[in-house]
C-alpha atoms as a PDB file:
ATOM      1  CA  GLY A   1      -1.306 137.298  84.815  1.00  0.00           C
ATOM      2  CA  GLN A   2      -4.495 139.140  83.851  1.00  0.00           C
ATOM      3  CA  GLY A   3      -6.930 136.438  84.931  1.00  0.00           C
ATOM      4  CA  GLY A   4      -7.879 135.434  81.357  1.00  0.00           C
ATOM      5  CA  HIS A   5      -8.999 132.084  79.956  1.00  0.00           C
ATOM      6  CA  ALA A   6      -6.046 131.187  77.720  1.00  0.00           C
ATOM      7  CA  TYR A   7      -5.550 127.994  79.728  1.00  0.00           C
ATOM      8  CA  LEU A   8      -8.648 126.560  78.000  1.00  0.00           C
ATOM      9  CA  LYS A   9      -6.486 126.053  74.885  1.00  0.00           C
ATOM     10  CA  GLU A  10      -3.923 123.908  76.726  1.00  0.00           C
ATOM     11  CA  TRP A  11      -4.371 120.127  76.562  1.00  0.00           C
ATOM     12  CA  LEU A  12      -2.372 119.736  79.775  1.00  0.00           C
ATOM     13  CA  TRP A  13      -4.908 121.875  81.652  1.00  0.00           C
ATOM     14  CA  TRP A  14      -7.752 119.727  80.337  1.00  0.00           C
ATOM     15  CA  ALA A  15      -5.872 116.564  81.311  1.00  0.00           C
ATOM     16  CA  GLY A  16      -5.447 117.931  84.824  1.00  0.00           C
ATOM     17  CA  LEU A  17      -9.094 118.968  84.982  1.00  0.00           C
ATOM     18  CA  LEU A  18     -10.282 115.506  83.893  1.00  0.00           C
ATOM     19  CA  SER A  19      -7.964 113.870  86.427  1.00  0.00           C
ATOM     20  CA  MET A  20      -9.327 116.080  89.158  1.00  0.00           C
ATOM     21  CA  GLY A  21     -12.832 115.243  87.950  1.00  0.00           C
ATOM     22  CA  ALA A  22     -12.129 111.544  88.402  1.00  0.00           C
ATOM     23  CA  GLY A  23     -10.977 112.229  91.924  1.00  0.00           C
ATOM     24  CA  GLU A  24     -14.053 114.331  92.629  1.00  0.00           C
ATOM     25  CA  VAL A  25     -16.256 111.379  91.645  1.00  0.00           C
ATOM     26  CA  ALA A  26     -14.772 109.476  94.576  1.00  0.00           C
ATOM     27  CA  ASN A  27     -15.107 112.604  96.705  1.00  0.00           C
ATOM     28  CA  PHE A  28     -18.745 112.789  95.624  1.00  0.00           C
ATOM     29  CA  ALA A  29     -19.308 109.255  96.905  1.00  0.00           C
ATOM     30  CA  ALA A  30     -17.611 110.131 100.196  1.00  0.00           C
ATOM     31  CA  TYR A  31     -20.015 113.033 100.786  1.00  0.00           C
ATOM     32  CA  ALA A  32     -22.946 110.671 100.219  1.00  0.00           C
ATOM     33  CA  PHE A  33     -21.909 108.334 103.029  1.00  0.00           C
ATOM     34  CA  ALA A  34     -19.945 110.458 105.540  1.00  0.00           C
ATOM     35  CA  PRO A  35     -20.347 113.840 107.302  1.00  0.00           C
ATOM     36  CA  ALA A  36     -19.096 116.843 105.350  1.00  0.00           C
ATOM     37  CA  THR A  37     -17.273 117.970 108.495  1.00  0.00           C
ATOM     38  CA  LEU A  38     -15.091 114.875 108.131  1.00  0.00           C
ATOM     39  CA  VAL A  39     -14.767 114.637 104.339  1.00  0.00           C
ATOM     40  CA  THR A  40     -13.792 118.242 103.595  1.00  0.00           C
ATOM     41  CA  PRO A  41     -10.787 118.598 105.948  1.00  0.00           C
ATOM     42  CA  LEU A  42      -9.453 115.254 104.716  1.00  0.00           C
ATOM     43  CA  GLY A  43      -9.090 116.931 101.338  1.00  0.00           C
ATOM     44  CA  ALA A  44      -5.782 118.154 102.747  1.00  0.00           C
ATOM     45  CA  LEU A  45      -4.433 114.699 101.981  1.00  0.00           C
ATOM     46  CA  SER A  46      -4.610 115.584  98.273  1.00  0.00           C
ATOM     47  CA  VAL A  47      -2.128 118.393  98.935  1.00  0.00           C
ATOM     48  CA  LEU A  48       0.106 115.942 100.759  1.00  0.00           C
ATOM     49  CA  VAL A  49      -0.068 113.335  97.975  1.00  0.00           C
ATOM     50  CA  SER A  50       0.647 116.020  95.370  1.00  0.00           C
ATOM     51  CA  ALA A  51       3.770 117.119  97.258  1.00  0.00           C
ATOM     52  CA  ILE A  52       5.051 113.547  97.580  1.00  0.00           C
ATOM     53  CA  LEU A  53       4.362 112.649  93.934  1.00  0.00           C
ATOM     54  CA  SER A  54       5.977 115.902  92.787  1.00  0.00           C
ATOM     55  CA  SER A  55       9.169 114.971  94.621  1.00  0.00           C
ATOM     56  CA  PHE A  56       9.315 111.632  92.781  1.00  0.00           C
ATOM     57  CA  ILE A  57       7.847 112.423  89.354  1.00  0.00           C
ATOM     58  CA  LEU A  58       8.737 116.103  88.834  1.00  0.00           C
ATOM     59  CA  ASN A  59      12.016 115.969  90.797  1.00  0.00           C
ATOM     60  CA  GLU A  60      10.857 118.735  93.103  1.00  0.00           C
ATOM     61  CA  LYS A  61      12.692 118.861  96.418  1.00  0.00           C
ATOM     62  CA  LEU A  62      10.705 118.195  99.577  1.00  0.00           C
ATOM     63  CA  ASN A  63      12.663 119.956 102.326  1.00  0.00           C
ATOM     64  CA  LEU A  64      12.522 119.436 106.069  1.00  0.00           C
ATOM     65  CA  HIS A  65       9.616 121.841 106.511  1.00  0.00           C
ATOM     66  CA  GLY A  66       7.651 120.003 103.834  1.00  0.00           C
ATOM     67  CA  LYS A  67       8.233 116.624 105.464  1.00  0.00           C
ATOM     68  CA  ILE A  68       7.137 117.971 108.838  1.00  0.00           C
ATOM     69  CA  GLY A  69       4.093 119.511 107.135  1.00  0.00           C
ATOM     70  CA  CYS A  70       3.164 116.143 105.589  1.00  0.00           C
ATOM     71  CA  LEU A  71       3.523 114.444 108.966  1.00  0.00           C
ATOM     72  CA  LEU A  72       1.351 117.076 110.671  1.00  0.00           C
ATOM     73  CA  SER A  73      -1.314 116.750 107.965  1.00  0.00           C
ATOM     74  CA  ILE A  74      -1.498 112.990 108.521  1.00  0.00           C
ATOM     75  CA  LEU A  75      -1.605 113.486 112.281  1.00  0.00           C
ATOM     76  CA  GLY A  76      -4.348 116.115 112.079  1.00  0.00           C
ATOM     77  CA  SER A  77      -6.403 113.966 109.700  1.00  0.00           C
ATOM     78  CA  THR A  78      -6.150 111.017 112.081  1.00  0.00           C
ATOM     79  CA  VAL A  79      -7.337 113.135 115.003  1.00  0.00           C
ATOM     80  CA  MET A  80     -10.281 114.417 112.973  1.00  0.00           C
ATOM     81  CA  VAL A  81     -11.300 110.884 111.978  1.00  0.00           C
ATOM     82  CA  ILE A  82     -11.226 109.766 115.616  1.00  0.00           C
ATOM     83  CA  HIS A  83     -13.399 112.678 116.755  1.00  0.00           C
ATOM     84  CA  ALA A  84     -15.651 112.842 113.686  1.00  0.00           C
ATOM     85  CA  PRO A  85     -19.181 114.144 114.384  1.00  0.00           C
ATOM     86  CA  GLN A  86     -22.339 112.185 113.682  1.00  0.00           C
ATOM     87  CA  GLU A  87     -24.700 113.972 111.324  1.00  0.00           C
ATOM     88  CA  GLU A  88     -28.465 113.725 111.396  1.00  0.00           C
ATOM     89  CA  GLU A  89     -29.690 110.889 109.188  1.00  0.00           C
ATOM     90  CA  VAL A  90     -31.091 112.175 105.887  1.00  0.00           C
ATOM     91  CA  GLU A  91     -32.268 109.303 103.724  1.00  0.00           C
ATOM     92  CA  THR A  92     -34.654 110.873 101.192  1.00  0.00           C
ATOM     93  CA  LEU A  93     -34.946 113.972  99.044  1.00  0.00           C
ATOM     94  CA  ASN A  94     -38.042 114.971 100.986  1.00  0.00           C
ATOM     95  CA  GLU A  95     -35.989 115.084 104.184  1.00  0.00           C
ATOM     96  CA  MET A  96     -33.263 116.992 102.332  1.00  0.00           C
ATOM     97  CA  SER A  97     -35.870 119.472 101.119  1.00  0.00           C
ATOM     98  CA  HIS A  98     -36.986 119.989 104.707  1.00  0.00           C
ATOM     99  CA  LYS A  99     -33.370 120.612 105.744  1.00  0.00           C
ATOM    100  CA  LEU A 100     -32.812 123.133 102.957  1.00  0.00           C
ATOM    101  CA  GLY A 101     -35.918 124.990 104.050  1.00  0.00           C
ATOM    102  CA  ASP A 102     -34.626 125.470 107.590  1.00  0.00           C
ATOM    103  CA  PRO A 103     -34.558 129.200 108.451  1.00  0.00           C
ATOM    104  CA  GLY A 104     -30.954 129.040 109.622  1.00  0.00           C
ATOM    105  CA  PHE A 105     -29.739 127.578 106.326  1.00  0.00           C
ATOM    106  CA  VAL A 106     -31.898 129.971 104.281  1.00  0.00           C
ATOM    107  CA  VAL A 107     -30.291 132.928 106.047  1.00  0.00           C
ATOM    108  CA  PHE A 108     -26.801 131.421 105.567  1.00  0.00           C
ATOM    109  CA  ALA A 109     -27.368 130.729 101.857  1.00  0.00           C
ATOM    110  CA  THR A 110     -28.780 134.231 101.315  1.00  0.00           C
ATOM    111  CA  VAL A 111     -25.768 135.843 102.976  1.00  0.00           C
ATOM    112  CA  VAL A 112     -23.390 133.682 100.882  1.00  0.00           C
ATOM    113  CA  VAL A 113     -25.121 134.659  97.619  1.00  0.00           C
ATOM    114  CA  ILE A 114     -25.164 138.371  98.487  1.00  0.00           C
ATOM    115  CA  VAL A 115     -21.517 138.401  99.569  1.00  0.00           C
ATOM    116  CA  SER A 116     -20.503 136.486  96.426  1.00  0.00           C
ATOM    117  CA  LEU A 117     -22.350 138.883  94.120  1.00  0.00           C
ATOM    118  CA  ILE A 118     -20.775 141.902  95.831  1.00  0.00           C
ATOM    119  CA  LEU A 119     -17.305 140.369  95.508  1.00  0.00           C
ATOM    120  CA  ILE A 120     -17.860 139.398  91.861  1.00  0.00           C
ATOM    121  CA  PHE A 121     -19.408 142.625  90.533  1.00  0.00           C
ATOM    122  CA  VAL A 122     -18.151 145.339  92.915  1.00  0.00           C
ATOM    123  CA  VAL A 123     -14.963 144.326  94.723  1.00  0.00           C
ATOM    124  CA  GLY A 124     -13.482 141.972  92.107  1.00  0.00           C
ATOM    125  CA  PRO A 125     -13.077 144.461  89.230  1.00  0.00           C
ATOM    126  CA  ARG A 126     -11.421 146.976  91.565  1.00  0.00           C
ATOM    127  CA  HIS A 127      -9.223 144.879  93.844  1.00  0.00           C
ATOM    128  CA  GLY A 128      -9.160 141.358  92.365  1.00  0.00           C
ATOM    129  CA  GLN A 129      -5.784 141.907  90.682  1.00  0.00           C
ATOM    130  CA  THR A 130      -4.089 143.116  93.862  1.00  0.00           C
ATOM    131  CA  ASN A 131      -5.840 141.459  96.813  1.00  0.00           C
ATOM    132  CA  ILE A 132      -5.481 137.680  96.992  1.00  0.00           C
ATOM    133  CA  LEU A 133      -8.468 137.260  99.309  1.00  0.00           C
ATOM    134  CA  VAL A 134     -11.076 138.486  96.784  1.00  0.00           C
ATOM    135  CA  TYR A 135     -11.088 135.576  94.318  1.00  0.00           C
ATOM    136  CA  ILE A 136     -10.283 132.985  96.985  1.00  0.00           C
ATOM    137  CA  THR A 137     -13.208 134.138  99.130  1.00  0.00           C
ATOM    138  CA  ILE A 138     -15.549 133.826  96.148  1.00  0.00           C
ATOM    139  CA  CYS A 139     -14.407 130.234  95.554  1.00  0.00           C
ATOM    140  CA  SER A 140     -14.619 129.336  99.223  1.00  0.00           C
ATOM    141  CA  VAL A 141     -18.057 130.640 100.171  1.00  0.00           C
ATOM    142  CA  ILE A 142     -19.644 129.298  96.977  1.00  0.00           C
ATOM    143  CA  GLY A 143     -17.887 125.997  97.670  1.00  0.00           C
ATOM    144  CA  ALA A 144     -19.944 125.636 100.830  1.00  0.00           C
ATOM    145  CA  LEU A 145     -23.119 125.667  98.727  1.00  0.00           C
ATOM    146  CA  SER A 146     -21.649 123.240  96.183  1.00  0.00           C
ATOM    147  CA  VAL A 147     -20.870 120.756  98.974  1.00  0.00           C
ATOM    148  CA  SER A 148     -24.493 120.975 100.124  1.00  0.00           C
ATOM    149  CA  CYS A 149     -25.634 120.268  96.550  1.00  0.00           C
ATOM    150  CA  VAL A 150     -23.269 117.300  96.326  1.00  0.00           C
ATOM    151  CA  LYS A 151     -24.643 115.954  99.589  1.00  0.00           C
ATOM    152  CA  GLY A 152     -28.213 116.200  98.279  1.00  0.00           C
ATOM    153  CA  LEU A 153     -27.343 114.604  94.933  1.00  0.00           C
ATOM    154  CA  GLY A 154     -25.594 111.763  96.748  1.00  0.00           C
ATOM    155  CA  ILE A 155     -28.826 111.048  98.613  1.00  0.00           C
ATOM    156  CA  ALA A 156     -30.727 111.227  95.304  1.00  0.00           C
ATOM    157  CA  ILE A 157     -28.387 108.717  93.673  1.00  0.00           C
ATOM    158  CA  LYS A 158     -28.836 106.297  96.566  1.00  0.00           C
ATOM    159  CA  GLU A 159     -32.604 106.614  96.127  1.00  0.00           C
ATOM    160  CA  LEU A 160     -32.233 106.102  92.379  1.00  0.00           C
ATOM    161  CA  PHE A 161     -30.397 102.815  92.926  1.00  0.00           C
ATOM    162  CA  ALA A 162     -33.202 101.806  95.291  1.00  0.00           C
ATOM    163  CA  GLY A 163     -35.689 102.148  92.429  1.00  0.00           C
ATOM    164  CA  LYS A 164     -37.411 105.342  93.513  1.00  0.00           C
ATOM    165  CA  PRO A 165     -38.589 107.951  90.927  1.00  0.00           C
ATOM    166  CA  VAL A 166     -35.912 110.501  91.796  1.00  0.00           C
ATOM    167  CA  LEU A 167     -35.847 112.093  88.338  1.00  0.00           C
ATOM    168  CA  ASN A 168     -39.422 113.261  88.817  1.00  0.00           C
ATOM    169  CA  HIS A 169     -38.515 115.163  91.972  1.00  0.00           C
ATOM    170  CA  PRO A 170     -37.900 118.901  91.262  1.00  0.00           C
ATOM    171  CA  LEU A 171     -35.277 119.147  94.003  1.00  0.00           C
ATOM    172  CA  PHE A 172     -32.984 116.789  92.068  1.00  0.00           C
ATOM    173  CA  TRP A 173     -32.828 119.139  89.085  1.00  0.00           C
ATOM    174  CA  ILE A 174     -32.512 122.219  91.300  1.00  0.00           C
ATOM    175  CA  LEU A 175     -29.535 120.678  93.074  1.00  0.00           C
ATOM    176  CA  LEU A 176     -27.949 119.582  89.787  1.00  0.00           C
ATOM    177  CA  LEU A 177     -28.308 123.031  88.209  1.00  0.00           C
ATOM    178  CA  SER A 178     -27.039 124.745  91.376  1.00  0.00           C
ATOM    179  CA  LEU A 179     -24.031 122.423  91.473  1.00  0.00           C
ATOM    180  CA  ILE A 180     -23.119 123.200  87.860  1.00  0.00           C
ATOM    181  CA  VAL A 181     -23.330 126.952  88.499  1.00  0.00           C
ATOM    182  CA  CYS A 182     -21.346 126.754  91.758  1.00  0.00           C
ATOM    183  CA  VAL A 183     -18.585 124.510  90.391  1.00  0.00           C
ATOM    184  CA  SER A 184     -18.219 126.603  87.210  1.00  0.00           C
ATOM    185  CA  THR A 185     -17.865 129.753  89.297  1.00  0.00           C
ATOM    186  CA  GLN A 186     -15.331 128.088  91.577  1.00  0.00           C
ATOM    187  CA  ILE A 187     -13.187 126.878  88.664  1.00  0.00           C
ATOM    188  CA  ASN A 188     -13.261 130.303  87.030  1.00  0.00           C
ATOM    189  CA  TYR A 189     -12.188 132.331  90.057  1.00  0.00           C
ATOM    190  CA  LEU A 190      -9.765 129.754  91.418  1.00  0.00           C
ATOM    191  CA  ASN A 191      -7.933 129.768  88.087  1.00  0.00           C
ATOM    192  CA  ARG A 192      -7.888 133.561  88.189  1.00  0.00           C
ATOM    193  CA  ALA A 193      -6.305 133.473  91.626  1.00  0.00           C
ATOM    194  CA  LEU A 194      -3.736 130.878  90.510  1.00  0.00           C
ATOM    195  CA  ASP A 195      -2.993 132.890  87.366  1.00  0.00           C
ATOM    196  CA  ILE A 196      -2.285 136.109  89.253  1.00  0.00           C
ATOM    197  CA  PHE A 197      -0.806 134.975  92.575  1.00  0.00           C
ATOM    198  CA  ASN A 198       1.744 132.407  93.705  1.00  0.00           C
ATOM    199  CA  THR A 199       0.378 128.871  94.075  1.00  0.00           C
ATOM    200  CA  SER A 200       2.216 128.383  97.375  1.00  0.00           C
ATOM    201  CA  ILE A 201       0.162 131.251  98.819  1.00  0.00           C
ATOM    202  CA  VAL A 202      -3.171 130.490  97.145  1.00  0.00           C
ATOM    203  CA  THR A 203      -3.354 126.812  98.151  1.00  0.00           C
ATOM    204  CA  PRO A 204      -3.162 127.124 101.963  1.00  0.00           C
ATOM    205  CA  ILE A 205      -5.380 130.232 102.095  1.00  0.00           C
ATOM    206  CA  TYR A 206      -7.994 128.594  99.876  1.00  0.00           C
ATOM    207  CA  TYR A 207      -7.959 125.408 101.937  1.00  0.00           C
ATOM    208  CA  VAL A 208      -8.466 127.242 105.231  1.00  0.00           C
ATOM    209  CA  ILE A 209     -11.289 129.552 104.039  1.00  0.00           C
ATOM    210  CA  PHE A 210     -13.023 126.841 102.001  1.00  0.00           C
ATOM    211  CA  THR A 211     -12.928 124.286 104.816  1.00  0.00           C
ATOM    212  CA  THR A 212     -14.140 126.834 107.361  1.00  0.00           C
ATOM    213  CA  SER A 213     -17.060 127.743 105.077  1.00  0.00           C
ATOM    214  CA  VAL A 214     -18.003 124.093 104.569  1.00  0.00           C
ATOM    215  CA  LEU A 215     -17.796 123.317 108.295  1.00  0.00           C
ATOM    216  CA  THR A 216     -20.069 126.280 109.038  1.00  0.00           C
ATOM    217  CA  CYS A 217     -22.568 125.315 106.336  1.00  0.00           C
ATOM    218  CA  SER A 218     -22.599 121.664 107.394  1.00  0.00           C
ATOM    219  CA  ALA A 219     -23.108 122.565 111.045  1.00  0.00           C
ATOM    220  CA  ILE A 220     -26.110 124.726 110.121  1.00  0.00           C
ATOM    221  CA  LEU A 221     -27.647 122.329 107.596  1.00  0.00           C
ATOM    222  CA  PHE A 222     -27.098 118.917 109.201  1.00  0.00           C
ATOM    223  CA  LYS A 223     -26.691 119.910 112.861  1.00  0.00           C
ATOM    224  CA  GLU A 224     -23.493 117.853 113.040  1.00  0.00           C
ATOM    225  CA  TRP A 225     -22.199 119.651 116.148  1.00  0.00           C
ATOM    226  CA  GLN A 226     -25.425 119.542 118.123  1.00  0.00           C
ATOM    227  CA  HIS A 227     -24.832 116.243 119.906  1.00  0.00           C
ATOM    228  CA  MET A 228     -21.019 116.242 120.034  1.00  0.00           C
ATOM    229  CA  ALA A 229     -19.228 115.900 123.357  1.00  0.00           C
ATOM    230  CA  ALA A 230     -16.798 118.595 124.445  1.00  0.00           C
ATOM    231  CA  ASP A 231     -13.755 116.370 123.920  1.00  0.00           C
ATOM    232  CA  ASP A 232     -14.869 115.555 120.355  1.00  0.00           C
ATOM    233  CA  ILE A 233     -15.338 119.255 119.562  1.00  0.00           C
ATOM    234  CA  ILE A 234     -11.878 120.051 120.923  1.00  0.00           C
ATOM    235  CA  GLY A 235     -10.401 117.086 119.047  1.00  0.00           C
ATOM    236  CA  THR A 236     -12.012 118.132 115.766  1.00  0.00           C
ATOM    237  CA  PHE A 237     -10.746 121.714 116.041  1.00  0.00           C
ATOM    238  CA  SER A 238      -7.291 120.514 117.147  1.00  0.00           C
ATOM    239  CA  GLY A 239      -7.052 118.185 114.165  1.00  0.00           C
ATOM    240  CA  PHE A 240      -8.185 120.926 111.802  1.00  0.00           C
ATOM    241  CA  LEU A 241      -5.644 123.420 113.175  1.00  0.00           C
ATOM    242  CA  THR A 242      -2.911 120.774 112.953  1.00  0.00           C
ATOM    243  CA  ILE A 243      -3.718 120.239 109.279  1.00  0.00           C
ATOM    244  CA  ILE A 244      -3.606 124.006 108.685  1.00  0.00           C
ATOM    245  CA  VAL A 245      -0.143 124.241 110.275  1.00  0.00           C
ATOM    246  CA  GLY A 246       1.032 121.270 108.223  1.00  0.00           C
ATOM    247  CA  ILE A 247      -0.154 122.773 104.938  1.00  0.00           C
ATOM    248  CA  PHE A 248       1.385 126.127 105.861  1.00  0.00           C
ATOM    249  CA  LEU A 249       4.777 124.520 106.497  1.00  0.00           C
ATOM    250  CA  LEU A 250       4.477 122.507 103.295  1.00  0.00           C
ATOM    251  CA  HIS A 251       3.890 125.546 101.076  1.00  0.00           C
ATOM    252  CA  ALA A 252       5.323 128.608 102.815  1.00  0.00           C
ATOM    253  CA  PHE A 253       8.879 127.235 103.113  1.00  0.00           C
ATOM    254  CA  LYS A 254       9.063 125.012 100.042  1.00  0.00           C
ATOM    255  CA  ASP A 255      11.741 127.235  98.432  1.00  0.00           C
ATOM    256  CA  VAL A 256      13.977 127.184 101.517  1.00  0.00           C
ATOM    257  CA  ASN A 257      16.876 124.755 101.124  1.00  0.00           C
ATOM    258  CA  PHE A 258      16.951 123.400 104.670  1.00  0.00           C
ATOM    259  CA  THR A 259      17.579 119.758 105.609  1.00  0.00           C
ATOM    260  CA  LEU A 260      18.589 117.744 108.662  1.00  0.00           C
ATOM    261  CA  ALA A 261      22.200 117.986 107.513  1.00  0.00           C
ATOM    262  CA  ASN A 262      22.004 121.787 107.907  1.00  0.00           C
ATOM    263  CA  LEU A 263      20.559 121.607 111.413  1.00  0.00           C
ATOM    264  CA  PRO A 264      23.873 121.396 113.382  1.00  0.00           C
ATOM    265  CA  VAL A 265      25.256 124.344 111.390  1.00  0.00           C
ATOM    266  CA  SER A 266      22.044 126.240 112.080  1.00  0.00           C
ATOM    267  CA  LEU A 267      22.392 125.688 115.800  1.00  0.00           C
ATOM    268  CA  ARG A 268      25.986 126.943 115.743  1.00  0.00           C
ATOM    269  CA  LYS A 269      24.907 130.043 113.847  1.00  0.00           C
ATOM    270  CA  ASP A 270      22.155 130.699 116.382  1.00  0.00           C
ATOM    271  CA  ASP A 271      24.785 130.591 119.137  1.00  0.00           C
ATOM    272  CA  ARG A 272      26.904 133.091 117.227  1.00  0.00           C
ATOM    273  CA  ALA A 273      23.905 135.348 116.733  1.00  0.00           C
ATOM    274  CA  ALA A 274      23.325 135.332 120.471  1.00  0.00           C
ATOM    275  CA  ASN A 275      26.934 136.466 120.943  1.00  0.00           C
ATOM    276  CA  GLY A 276      26.625 139.429 118.601  1.00  0.00           C
ATOM    277  CA  THR A 277      26.423 138.019 115.074  1.00  0.00           C
ATOM    278  CA  LEU A 278      23.294 139.368 113.423  1.00  0.00           C
ATOM    279  CA  LEU A 279      22.972 136.958 110.478  1.00  0.00           C
ATOM    280  CA  SER A 280      19.713 135.105 109.927  1.00  0.00           C
ATOM    281  CA  THR A 281      19.638 131.329 110.273  1.00  0.00           C
ATOM    282  CA  TYR A 282      18.544 130.805 106.699  1.00  0.00           C
ATOM    283  CA  ASP A 283      20.881 133.279 105.024  1.00  0.00           C
ATOM    284  CA  CYS A 284      23.576 130.709 104.241  1.00  0.00           C
ATOM    285  CA  PHE A 285      21.311 127.794 103.362  1.00  0.00           C
ATOM    286  CA  ASN A 286      19.237 129.016 100.431  1.00  0.00           C
ATOM    287  CA  HIS A 287      22.228 128.921  98.073  1.00  0.00           C
ATOM    288  CA  ASP A 288      25.276 126.756  98.759  1.00  0.00           C
ATOM    289  CA  GLU A 289      27.536 128.854  96.547  1.00  0.00           C
ATOM    290  CA  GLU A 290      27.034 131.814  98.872  1.00  0.00           C
ATOM    291  CA  SER A 291      28.268 129.967 101.968  1.00  0.00           C
ATOM    292  CA  SER A 292      31.798 131.356 101.737  1.00  0.00           C
ATOM    293  CA  ALA A 293      30.502 134.900 101.384  1.00  0.00           C
ATOM    294  CA  CYS A 294      28.234 134.357 104.368  1.00  0.00           C
ATOM    295  CA  LEU A 295      31.162 133.041 106.397  1.00  0.00           C
ATOM    296  CA  GLY A 296      33.237 136.087 105.550  1.00  0.00           C
ATOM    297  CA  GLU A 297      30.372 138.361 106.510  1.00  0.00           C
ATOM    298  CA  MET A 298      29.984 136.555 109.817  1.00  0.00           C
ATOM    299  CA  GLN A 299      33.696 136.932 110.566  1.00  0.00           C
ATOM    300  CA  SER A 300      33.673 140.621 109.681  1.00  0.00           C
ATOM    301  CA  THR A 301      30.614 141.154 111.892  1.00  0.00           C
ATOM    302  CA  GLU A 302      32.357 139.393 114.777  1.00  0.00           C
ATOM    303  CA  SER A 303      35.503 141.503 114.337  1.00  0.00           C
ATOM    304  CA  LEU A 304      33.423 144.674 114.212  1.00  0.00           C
ATOM    305  CA  SER A 305      31.701 143.630 117.424  1.00  0.00           C
ATOM    306  CA  ALA A 306      35.086 143.009 119.029  1.00  0.00           C
ATOM    307  CA  ARG A 307      36.372 146.454 117.985  1.00  0.00           C
ATOM    308  CA  ARG A 308      33.267 148.063 119.402  1.00  0.00           C
ATOM    309  CA  ASN A 309      33.749 146.249 122.679  1.00  0.00           C
ATOM    310  CA  GLY A 310      37.396 147.294 122.741  1.00  0.00           C
ATOM    311  CA  SER A 311      36.618 150.933 122.102  1.00  0.00           C
ATOM    312  CA  LEU A 312      34.007 150.930 124.856  1.00  0.00           C
ATOM    313  CA  SER A 313      36.432 149.365 127.331  1.00  0.00           C
ATOM    314  CA  ALA A 314      39.005 151.964 126.485  1.00  0.00           C
ATOM    315  CA  PHE A 315      36.695 154.669 127.769  1.00  0.00           C
END
């Protein structure tokens, strides 16, 4: 819990890292052929697949909130695909170099680097162990630059397959070196956040901040939002917000034992609460063995309410 690097000695961590690397190769290809505004939010599907596979392979329970969260993530992803923006065509490294030299992107990249350095060297040592946003913000804002590097390298690889002398272009090596630095920094601080804080809290916060950073960077660099109609803009934001709600439901309530079978009982308890019983809906569902105690508490609360009503009527 001190944010160290002991996980580097675990073979299981390396196996997970290599598996994620294989997935990122496919993600890399997606960035080369599709807008980053579309590819990045669809990364939420990896959270959904992880939750489903965990329920089958690791015997983790996927409760009602988790199932609704999965459904909302699929729905939001579908809406985003339908209203996906069209980015400006960038076919060569020379065009990519011109994009990277745009004043708007230069200002954005400078702000990201300055904020990251302040968080790493000033804020991190003081508040990184207590504030969950410090390490996650570092990963997220640097992730926006890494996505831009991936986009440029994807264009370079397409040129390489076309037989062009890409390896002689200095931008190729600048992008490759920048990507290595950005990804290494992301892995380091994301593992620190996961080591110190609960995964169910880190995952949704990281997804929201990271995706927002990438959408902002992509809009500045590739002008993806410049020619979008109003309905497509609304649809894209609606899909993104739907995915956020789905991921929140999937992670925030994963330890709550609540199913469709509990729903009728929950409704009855809500009616009792409206009539004077002050128990929470979830109090009797987290642990089945406590149901009898909860029932006794409900009855005692009702009797106390009745005595209070009787004493008031006596006056």
